[in-house]
Amino acid sequence: MANDTSLTPMMEQYFRIKELHPDALLFFRLGDFYEMFYEDARTAAPVLEIALTSRQKVPMCGVPYHAVSAYLPKLLRQGFKVAICEQVEDPKAAKGVVRREVIKVLTPGTAIEIETEEAKEATFIASLALEDAGWGMALVDLAAGEIRTLEGPWTEAKVLADELFKAAPKEVLYPEGTEDSLRRVLTLEGEAGAALSPAEGWLFDPPQASRVVLEHFGARSLAGFGLEEKPRAVAAAGALISYVKRVRQDSLALVHRISYLNPAGHLVLDATTVRNLELVRNLRDGKLKGTLLDVIDFTVTAPGGRLLRSWLLRPLRDLAAITERQDAVA
């Protein structure tokens, strides 16, 4: 389409930029509005509850740039990615078409600057390394800045499904070509609502992923992280760091810790237990209302609420740690 001689210079620019972000809805800045065209407009208009119009038979819709933060959460909650394309030069000084560039790509798991209704619920991205020998998982909440990892054989796929159920990630990164294994995991506990982001298989290659992890954390060995003998966990973590670096380079500065989940220190709560006890989601509609967390949550900040939720889903088993926490609360 970008080479179509019937297109205006501006629409040629639009298609050139859109070709670089085919899997995202392109918010194309035109003056005081972000405009969407063609299929992006047809997709976004009903979700945003705005009018779908047309100009010269081109479907389009738009939102005011100063109110964009009110619209973005609606798209992100539905699992869409959004590429924000800004005017990067003064229109008054431009010769010809104003230069535009995508300044950031927002995905359901990386849009930490967008306030959502679930501010006290962590926004996790999950990365899954799915191999014949077993699986590896890495979870990150960019606002908290810690990557948590786990791995196991396929005989323990239920453990992975339980962890995904408790984390309720907004986005799942996985290697291209492993869709069958992915579906098996996500449907095991009914967790199929996350946005799915396929990535090149080489990102999950253990040696490549290991180099990425070591470089990011400025370390010479994985031993200090408890990951020296965890190749699939490292594969998931390395791919996750590479993905975040690609879509949200600025967010990586917040990621300063990585650890391996040690089941021995916590009481293991599987998805069935968490669901039936209505700890963080009620049985009626899966919302917070009426749950144990809803009753006991008197935290006044979003980080405090997220920490309490995490504690509730991972009760301590170590007496010394329990006493230390009780003393701190007292």
Protein backbone atom coordinates (compact mmCIF):
# COMPACT_ATOMS: atom_id res chain seq x y z
CA MET A 1 0.00 0.00 0.00
CA ALA A 2 2.87 2.40 0.76
CA ASN A 3 3.87 2.31 -2.94
CA ASP A 4 0.34 3.01 -4.19
CA THR A 5 0.64 6.09 -6.40
CA SER A 6 -2.94 7.12 -5.53
CA LEU A 7 -2.04 7.68 -1.89
CA THR A 8 -1.33 11.11 -0.47
CA PRO A 9 2.18 11.70 0.96
CA MET A 10 0.75 11.58 4.48
CA MET A 11 -0.94 8.22 3.92
CA GLU A 12 2.25 6.87 2.35
CA GLN A 13 4.00 7.85 5.57
CA TYR A 14 1.24 6.18 7.60
CA PHE A 15 1.62 2.86 5.75
CA ARG A 16 5.41 2.92 6.03
CA ILE A 17 5.11 3.27 9.80
CA LYS A 18 2.25 0.77 10.06
CA GLU A 19 4.33 -1.88 8.24
CA LEU A 20 6.87 -1.65 11.08
CA HIS A 21 4.16 -2.36 13.67
CA PRO A 22 1.70 -4.78 12.06
CA ASP A 23 0.56 -6.33 15.35
CA ALA A 24 -0.25 -3.02 17.08
CA LEU A 25 -3.00 -0.45 16.75
CA LEU A 26 -1.26 2.65 15.39
CA PHE A 27 -2.19 5.93 17.11
CA PHE A 28 -1.13 8.35 14.35
CA ARG A 29 -0.80 11.95 15.57
CA LEU A 30 -2.56 14.51 13.41
CA GLY A 31 -2.69 17.91 15.09
CA ASP A 32 -4.70 17.61 18.30
CA PHE A 33 -5.85 14.02 17.64
CA TYR A 34 -4.51 10.51 17.44
CA GLU A 35 -6.13 8.98 14.36
CA MET A 36 -6.55 5.33 13.37
CA PHE A 37 -7.26 4.15 9.85
CA TYR A 38 -8.56 1.09 7.99
CA GLU A 39 -8.65 -2.13 10.06
CA ASP A 40 -7.17 -0.40 13.11
CA ALA A 41 -10.13 2.01 13.08
CA ARG A 42 -12.68 -0.79 12.60
CA THR A 43 -11.15 -2.70 15.51
CA ALA A 44 -10.71 0.18 17.95
CA ALA A 45 -13.93 2.15 17.43
CA PRO A 46 -16.33 -0.31 19.13
CA VAL A 47 -13.89 -0.99 21.99
CA LEU A 48 -13.41 2.74 22.65
CA GLU A 49 -17.10 3.47 22.02
CA ILE A 50 -16.31 6.22 19.53
CA ALA A 51 -17.71 6.92 16.09
CA LEU A 52 -16.24 5.18 13.05
CA THR A 53 -16.19 7.70 10.20
CA SER A 54 -14.60 7.80 6.76
CA ARG A 55 -12.83 10.26 4.51
CA GLN A 56 -12.45 9.52 0.81
CA LYS A 57 -13.74 6.00 1.58
CA VAL A 58 -10.99 5.45 4.20
CA PRO A 59 -12.41 4.18 7.54
CA MET A 60 -11.05 6.25 10.43
CA CYS A 61 -11.60 7.20 14.04
CA GLY A 62 -9.69 9.30 16.54
CA VAL A 63 -9.28 10.46 20.12
CA PRO A 64 -8.00 13.81 21.50
CA TYR A 65 -4.29 13.61 22.36
CA HIS A 66 -4.82 15.35 25.70
CA ALA A 67 -7.36 12.70 26.75
CA VAL A 68 -5.58 9.64 25.37
CA SER A 69 -4.87 8.23 28.85
CA ALA A 70 -8.60 7.71 29.32
CA TYR A 71 -8.82 5.54 26.20
CA LEU A 72 -5.64 3.45 26.30
CA PRO A 73 -6.62 1.26 29.31
CA LYS A 74 -9.73 0.10 27.44
CA LEU A 75 -7.58 -1.28 24.61
CA LEU A 76 -4.90 -2.73 26.89
CA ARG A 77 -7.49 -4.54 29.03
CA GLN A 78 -8.76 -6.19 25.84
CA GLY A 79 -5.26 -7.45 25.04
CA PHE A 80 -4.34 -5.00 22.26
CA LYS A 81 -0.92 -3.46 21.68
CA VAL A 82 -0.77 0.24 20.87
CA ALA A 83 2.00 2.06 18.97
CA ILE A 84 2.09 5.79 19.75
CA CYS A 85 3.22 7.73 16.68
CA GLU A 86 4.09 11.36 17.37
CA GLN A 87 4.98 14.40 15.28
CA VAL A 88 8.69 14.81 15.94
CA GLU A 89 9.16 18.17 14.27
CA ASP A 90 7.35 21.48 14.36
CA PRO A 91 4.58 21.43 11.70
CA LYS A 92 5.24 25.13 11.03
CA ALA A 93 8.89 24.44 10.18
CA ALA A 94 8.26 21.24 8.21
CA LYS A 95 8.85 21.16 4.48
CA GLY A 96 6.28 18.76 3.09
CA VAL A 97 4.88 16.03 5.36
CA VAL A 98 5.58 16.47 9.07
CA ARG A 99 8.08 13.86 10.25
CA ARG A 100 6.50 11.26 12.53
CA GLU A 101 7.95 8.36 14.51
CA VAL A 102 6.66 5.72 16.90
CA ILE A 103 8.01 6.84 20.27
CA LYS A 104 6.74 3.87 22.28
CA VAL A 105 4.75 0.67 22.01
CA LEU A 106 2.37 -0.09 24.85
CA THR A 107 1.50 -3.73 25.53
CA PRO A 108 -0.84 -5.11 28.22
CA GLY A 109 2.13 -6.11 30.38
CA THR A 110 4.45 -3.13 29.86
CA ALA A 111 2.19 -0.08 30.07
CA ILE A 112 3.17 0.74 33.64
CA GLU A 113 2.50 4.46 33.24
CA ILE A 114 -1.16 3.90 32.37
CA GLU A 115 -3.44 3.95 35.42
CA THR A 116 -5.94 1.10 35.35
CA GLU A 117 -8.87 0.19 37.57
CA GLU A 118 -6.79 -2.67 39.03
CA ALA A 119 -4.01 -0.44 40.43
CA LYS A 120 -3.53 -2.72 43.46
CA GLU A 121 -3.13 -5.79 41.26
CA ALA A 122 0.35 -6.38 39.84
CA THR A 123 0.66 -6.17 36.06
CA PHE A 124 2.69 -9.26 35.24
CA ILE A 125 4.26 -10.35 31.97
CA ALA A 126 4.93 -14.07 31.83
CA SER A 127 7.59 -15.58 29.60
CA LEU A 128 7.37 -19.31 28.90
CA ALA A 129 10.22 -21.43 27.53
CA LEU A 130 8.43 -24.52 26.21
CA GLU A 131 10.71 -27.43 25.28
CA ASP A 132 10.34 -31.18 24.84
CA ALA A 133 12.14 -31.78 28.15
CA GLY A 134 9.97 -29.40 30.14
CA TRP A 135 9.05 -25.78 30.74
CA GLY A 136 10.62 -22.65 32.16
CA MET A 137 8.79 -19.56 33.40
CA ALA A 138 9.77 -15.99 34.17
CA LEU A 139 7.40 -13.42 35.65
CA VAL A 140 8.01 -9.71 35.92
CA ASP A 141 5.99 -6.84 37.28
CA LEU A 142 7.89 -3.88 35.84
CA ALA A 143 6.63 -1.57 38.57
CA ALA A 144 8.13 -3.84 41.24
CA GLY A 145 11.33 -4.46 39.28
CA GLU A 146 11.87 -8.15 40.08
CA ILE A 147 11.93 -11.18 37.77
CA ARG A 148 10.80 -14.42 39.41
CA THR A 149 11.59 -17.70 37.69
CA LEU A 150 10.64 -21.36 37.89
CA GLU A 151 11.08 -24.50 35.79
CA GLY A 152 10.00 -28.12 35.76
CA PRO A 153 9.28 -31.21 33.66
CA TRP A 154 5.98 -31.67 31.81
CA THR A 155 4.84 -34.04 34.55
CA GLU A 156 4.64 -30.88 36.68
CA ALA A 157 2.68 -28.79 34.17
CA LYS A 158 0.04 -28.27 36.87
CA VAL A 159 2.62 -26.34 38.93
CA LEU A 160 3.11 -23.95 36.02
CA ALA A 161 -0.64 -23.59 35.50
CA ASP A 162 -1.11 -22.82 39.21
CA GLU A 163 1.57 -20.11 39.14
CA LEU A 164 0.01 -18.51 36.07
CA PHE A 165 -3.42 -18.60 37.71
CA LYS A 166 -2.12 -16.78 40.79
CA ALA A 167 -0.11 -14.22 38.81
CA ALA A 168 -2.90 -13.64 36.25
CA PRO A 169 -0.44 -12.13 33.73
CA LYS A 170 -1.74 -9.52 31.34
CA GLU A 171 0.64 -10.77 28.63
CA VAL A 172 2.33 -14.09 27.86
CA LEU A 173 5.51 -14.29 25.78
CA TYR A 174 6.26 -17.65 24.17
CA PRO A 175 8.38 -19.13 21.34
CA GLU A 176 6.82 -19.22 17.89
CA GLY A 177 5.73 -22.73 16.94
CA THR A 178 4.87 -23.88 20.47
CA GLU A 179 1.18 -22.97 20.37
CA ASP A 180 -0.01 -26.51 21.20
CA SER A 181 2.04 -26.65 24.42
CA LEU A 182 0.95 -23.12 25.28
CA ARG A 183 -2.75 -23.94 24.92
CA ARG A 184 -2.34 -27.01 27.08
CA VAL A 185 -0.86 -24.92 29.90
CA LEU A 186 -3.23 -21.96 29.66
CA THR A 187 -6.39 -24.07 29.60
CA LEU A 188 -5.32 -26.40 32.43
CA GLU A 189 -6.68 -23.95 35.00
CA GLY A 190 -8.83 -21.89 32.67
CA GLU A 191 -6.32 -19.05 32.33
CA ALA A 192 -6.73 -18.11 28.68
CA GLY A 193 -7.42 -14.37 29.00
CA ALA A 194 -3.89 -12.96 28.63
CA ALA A 195 -2.62 -11.23 25.49
CA LEU A 196 -0.36 -13.69 23.64
CA SER A 197 2.94 -12.43 22.21
CA PRO A 198 4.88 -14.93 20.06
CA ALA A 199 8.63 -14.28 19.77
CA GLU A 200 11.49 -15.68 17.74
CA GLY A 201 12.67 -19.04 19.05
CA TRP A 202 16.32 -17.97 19.25
CA LEU A 203 15.47 -15.52 22.04
CA PHE A 204 14.80 -18.59 24.22
CA ASP A 205 18.10 -20.29 23.35
CA PRO A 206 19.74 -20.95 26.78
CA PRO A 207 23.27 -19.66 25.91
CA GLN A 208 21.84 -16.54 24.27
CA ALA A 209 19.39 -15.97 27.13
CA SER A 210 22.15 -16.50 29.71
CA ARG A 211 24.27 -13.77 28.11
CA VAL A 212 21.31 -11.39 28.14
CA VAL A 213 20.60 -12.04 31.83
CA LEU A 214 24.24 -11.66 32.88
CA GLU A 215 24.65 -8.47 30.85
CA HIS A 216 21.49 -6.88 32.25
CA PHE A 217 22.35 -7.59 35.89
CA GLY A 218 26.08 -6.94 35.46
CA ALA A 219 27.05 -10.38 36.76
CA ARG A 220 29.64 -12.97 35.74
CA SER A 221 27.78 -16.03 36.96
CA LEU A 222 24.19 -17.19 37.41
CA ALA A 223 25.07 -18.98 40.65
CA GLY A 224 24.36 -15.95 42.82
CA PHE A 225 20.79 -15.89 41.51
CA GLY A 226 20.16 -19.58 42.13
CA LEU A 227 19.91 -20.15 38.37
CA GLU A 228 23.15 -21.97 37.54
CA GLU A 229 21.40 -25.31 36.91
CA LYS A 230 18.10 -23.87 35.64
CA PRO A 231 18.51 -23.57 31.84
CA ARG A 232 14.80 -23.31 31.02
CA ALA A 233 14.17 -20.68 33.71
CA VAL A 234 17.13 -18.70 32.34
CA ALA A 235 15.79 -19.12 28.79
CA ALA A 236 12.44 -17.63 29.82
CA ALA A 237 14.12 -14.77 31.73
CA GLY A 238 16.52 -13.89 28.93
CA ALA A 239 13.75 -13.86 26.33
CA LEU A 240 11.65 -11.67 28.62
CA ILE A 241 14.44 -9.11 29.06
CA SER A 242 15.04 -9.03 25.30
CA TYR A 243 11.34 -8.52 24.63
CA VAL A 244 10.96 -5.67 27.12
CA LYS A 245 14.11 -4.08 25.72
CA ARG A 246 12.57 -4.20 22.26
CA VAL A 247 9.18 -2.69 23.12
CA ARG A 248 9.92 -0.59 26.21
CA GLN A 249 13.63 0.08 26.61
CA ASP A 250 12.97 2.69 29.30
CA SER A 251 11.24 0.15 31.56
CA LEU A 252 14.28 -2.11 31.90
CA ALA A 253 16.01 0.30 34.26
CA LEU A 254 13.42 -0.65 36.87
CA VAL A 255 14.27 -4.38 36.71
CA HIS A 256 17.04 -4.82 39.26
CA ARG A 257 16.43 -8.24 40.86
CA ILE A 258 16.02 -11.82 39.66
CA SER A 259 15.30 -14.88 41.78
CA TYR A 260 14.17 -18.49 41.63
CA LEU A 261 10.88 -19.34 43.33
CA ASN A 262 11.62 -21.65 46.25
CA PRO A 263 8.48 -23.62 47.16
CA ALA A 264 10.02 -24.72 50.47
CA GLY A 265 9.61 -21.30 52.05
CA HIS A 266 5.88 -20.96 51.36
CA LEU A 267 2.68 -22.92 51.75
CA VAL A 268 1.77 -24.22 48.30
CA LEU A 269 -1.70 -23.07 47.25
CA ASP A 270 -2.88 -24.54 43.96
CA ALA A 271 -5.35 -22.82 41.67
CA THR A 272 -8.30 -24.89 42.93
CA THR A 273 -7.63 -23.83 46.53
CA VAL A 274 -7.15 -20.16 45.62
CA ARG A 275 -10.34 -20.22 43.56
CA ASN A 276 -12.60 -22.07 46.03
CA LEU A 277 -11.43 -20.08 49.06
CA GLU A 278 -12.10 -16.88 47.08
CA LEU A 279 -8.81 -15.39 48.24
CA VAL A 280 -8.41 -12.77 45.52
CA ARG A 281 -11.24 -13.47 43.05
CA ASN A 282 -14.85 -14.31 43.80
CA LEU A 283 -16.60 -17.29 42.26
CA ARG A 284 -19.46 -15.19 40.92
CA ASP A 285 -17.69 -13.05 38.34
CA GLY A 286 -13.96 -13.42 39.08
CA LYS A 287 -13.71 -9.92 40.57
CA LEU A 288 -12.26 -8.73 43.88
CA LYS A 289 -15.58 -7.85 45.54
CA GLY A 290 -16.38 -10.13 48.48
CA THR A 291 -13.02 -11.94 48.57
CA LEU A 292 -10.77 -12.37 51.59
CA LEU A 293 -8.40 -9.77 50.14
CA ASP A 294 -11.28 -7.32 49.74
CA VAL A 295 -12.17 -7.74 53.43
CA ILE A 296 -8.66 -7.37 54.90
CA ASP A 297 -7.12 -4.83 52.53
CA PHE A 298 -6.70 -1.54 54.40
CA THR A 299 -3.58 -0.52 52.48
CA VAL A 300 -3.53 3.08 51.28
CA THR A 301 -1.14 2.75 48.33
CA ALA A 302 -1.12 0.62 45.20
CA PRO A 303 2.30 -0.94 46.01
CA GLY A 304 1.04 -1.83 49.49
CA GLY A 305 -2.03 -3.48 48.01
CA ARG A 306 0.07 -5.48 45.58
CA LEU A 307 2.37 -6.64 48.40
CA LEU A 308 -0.57 -7.77 50.54
CA ARG A 309 -1.99 -9.71 47.60
CA SER A 310 1.36 -11.40 47.06
CA TRP A 311 1.61 -12.35 50.76
CA LEU A 312 -1.88 -13.80 50.73
CA LEU A 313 -1.13 -16.04 47.74
CA ARG A 314 2.20 -17.21 49.22
CA PRO A 315 1.74 -17.77 52.98
CA LEU A 316 5.01 -18.14 54.86
CA ARG A 317 6.03 -21.49 56.40
CA ASP A 318 9.20 -20.40 58.17
CA LEU A 319 8.46 -19.49 61.81
CA ALA A 320 11.24 -16.92 62.05
CA ALA A 321 10.03 -15.15 58.89
CA ILE A 322 6.43 -15.22 60.15
CA THR A 323 7.47 -13.71 63.49
CA GLU A 324 9.54 -11.04 61.76
CA ARG A 325 6.61 -10.05 59.58
CA GLN A 326 4.20 -9.97 62.55
CA ASP A 327 6.62 -7.81 64.54
CA ALA A 328 6.93 -5.40 61.62
CA VAL A 329 3.16 -5.11 61.30
CA ALA A 330 2.74 -4.67 65.07
